[in-house]
Amino acid sequence: MDIRVGDILTMKKPHPCGGTRFSVLRIGMDFRLHCETCGHEMMIPRSKAEKNIRGIERDE
């Protein structure tokens, strides 16, 4: 999957705050994601994140 820093990911499962849009802050073996709704930052393993992605928005 081609995911870059700055992309907005729409996930299948929502964050506990109800938001499904996350911006990518860091990539590698883990992704650091920032919830667009509440501002919470989290680290998610790459394999788990790639399974749950519904869409990718990119500014080009």
Protein backbone atom coordinates (compact mmCIF):
# COMPACT_ATOMS: atom_id res chain seq x y z
CA MET A 1 0.00 0.00 0.00
CA ASP A 2 1.29 3.47 -0.89
CA ILE A 3 0.75 5.54 2.25
CA ARG A 4 2.71 8.73 2.84
CA VAL A 5 3.13 11.18 5.70
CA GLY A 6 0.35 13.77 5.49
CA ASP A 7 -2.27 11.45 3.97
CA ILE A 8 -5.75 11.34 5.50
CA LEU A 9 -6.96 7.78 6.11
CA THR A 10 -10.61 6.85 6.45
CA MET A 11 -10.82 3.76 8.64
CA LYS A 12 -13.50 1.04 8.84
CA LYS A 13 -13.67 1.10 12.63
CA PRO A 14 -14.24 4.45 14.36
CA HIS A 15 -12.16 5.89 17.19
CA PRO A 16 -13.99 5.91 20.56
CA CYS A 17 -14.76 9.61 19.98
CA GLY A 18 -16.69 8.65 16.83
CA GLY A 19 -14.22 9.90 14.22
CA THR A 20 -13.07 7.75 11.31
CA ARG A 21 -10.57 10.18 9.72
CA PHE A 22 -6.92 10.03 10.78
CA SER A 23 -3.88 11.90 9.45
CA VAL A 24 -0.58 10.04 9.10
CA LEU A 25 2.27 11.55 11.14
CA ARG A 26 4.85 8.77 10.84
CA ILE A 27 5.23 5.55 8.85
CA GLY A 28 7.40 2.47 9.34
CA MET A 29 6.65 -0.80 11.13
CA ASP A 30 4.05 1.22 13.07
CA PHE A 31 1.91 4.14 11.95
CA ARG A 32 1.50 7.20 14.15
CA LEU A 33 -2.00 8.48 13.47
CA HIS A 34 -3.71 11.69 14.59
CA CYS A 35 -7.50 11.61 15.03
CA GLU A 36 -9.02 14.51 13.08
CA THR A 37 -12.02 14.69 15.46
CA CYS A 38 -10.53 14.75 18.96
CA GLY A 39 -6.80 15.27 18.32
CA HIS A 40 -5.64 12.05 20.01
CA GLU A 41 -2.40 10.51 18.67
CA MET A 42 -1.84 6.76 18.60
CA MET A 43 0.62 4.17 17.33
CA ILE A 44 -0.89 1.25 15.38
CA PRO A 45 1.03 -1.71 13.89
CA ARG A 46 1.27 -1.43 10.10
CA SER A 47 -0.49 -4.77 9.46
CA LYS A 48 -3.50 -3.81 11.59
CA ALA A 49 -3.76 -0.33 10.07
CA GLU A 50 -3.59 -1.58 6.46
CA LYS A 51 -6.43 -4.05 7.09
CA ASN A 52 -8.71 -1.32 8.45
CA ILE A 53 -8.21 1.36 5.76
CA ARG A 54 -11.33 2.19 3.76
CA GLY A 55 -9.95 5.13 1.79
CA ILE A 56 -6.91 7.40 1.33
CA GLU A 57 -7.09 11.15 0.65
CA ARG A 58 -3.93 12.79 -0.63
CA ASP A 59 -3.04 16.41 -1.41
CA GLU A 60 -0.94 16.39 -4.57
